[in-house]
Amino acid sequence: MGILQGKRGVIFGVANERSIAWAISQALHREGAELAFTYAGEVLERRVRPLAEGIG
C-alpha cells in the first residue's frame, strides 16, 4: 500500500512522456493515487490520452 492510497489528484501540463508533469504523475500513481488528466485541444489529447490510459 502506497502513501497516497485512496487519494485523488488532477494532473495539468502533460505534453508528452518527457514532461515534468508526466514524471510526477507516474510517481503519484506508484504511491497509489487515482489520477485525472487535463489537456488543451486535440493535439495534446492525442499525446496525453495514451499515456494516461497506460497507467490506468
Protein backbone atom coordinates (compact mmCIF):
# COMPACT_ATOMS: atom_id res chain seq x y z
CA MET A 1 0.00 0.00 0.00
CA GLY A 2 1.38 3.38 -1.05
CA ILE A 3 1.29 6.54 0.99
CA LEU A 4 -1.26 8.06 -1.42
CA GLN A 5 -3.66 5.10 -1.46
CA GLY A 6 -7.23 6.40 -1.60
CA LYS A 7 -6.17 9.92 -2.63
CA ARG A 8 -7.18 11.60 -5.89
CA GLY A 9 -5.47 14.26 -7.95
CA VAL A 10 -5.77 16.22 -11.18
CA ILE A 11 -2.70 16.46 -13.38
CA PHE A 12 -2.20 19.57 -15.51
CA GLY A 13 0.53 20.24 -18.05
CA VAL A 14 1.41 16.85 -19.53
CA ALA A 15 2.59 17.45 -23.09
CA ASN A 16 4.45 14.17 -23.70
CA GLU A 17 6.35 11.40 -21.92
CA ARG A 18 9.24 13.79 -21.20
CA SER A 19 7.12 16.33 -19.29
CA ILE A 20 7.85 17.01 -15.65
CA ALA A 21 4.10 16.67 -15.06
CA TRP A 22 4.23 13.16 -16.53
CA ALA A 23 7.10 12.13 -14.24
CA ILE A 24 5.18 13.48 -11.24
CA SER A 25 2.04 11.62 -12.29
CA GLN A 26 3.98 8.36 -12.53
CA ALA A 27 5.35 8.84 -9.01
CA LEU A 28 1.88 9.64 -7.65
CA HIS A 29 0.43 6.57 -9.36
CA ARG A 30 3.19 4.34 -7.94
CA GLU A 31 2.18 5.50 -4.47
CA GLY A 32 -1.47 4.60 -5.08
CA ALA A 33 -3.09 7.88 -6.13
CA GLU A 34 -6.05 7.89 -8.51
CA LEU A 35 -5.39 10.49 -11.21
CA ALA A 36 -7.30 12.53 -13.77
CA PHE A 37 -5.52 14.28 -16.63
CA THR A 38 -6.39 17.52 -18.42
CA TYR A 39 -5.25 18.70 -21.82
CA ALA A 40 -5.90 21.66 -24.10
CA GLY A 41 -7.07 20.72 -27.57
CA GLU A 42 -7.00 17.74 -29.88
CA VAL A 43 -3.25 17.78 -30.48
CA LEU A 44 -2.45 17.33 -26.80
CA GLU A 45 -5.28 14.84 -26.40
CA ARG A 46 -3.59 12.56 -28.95
CA ARG A 47 -0.40 12.72 -26.85
CA VAL A 48 -1.84 12.59 -23.33
CA ARG A 49 -4.65 10.04 -23.68
CA PRO A 50 -2.37 7.05 -24.49
CA LEU A 51 -0.09 7.94 -21.57
CA ALA A 52 -3.00 8.26 -19.14
CA GLU A 53 -4.59 5.01 -20.32
CA GLY A 54 -1.25 3.28 -19.83
CA ILE A 55 -1.30 3.87 -16.07
CA GLY A 56 -4.99 3.20 -15.63
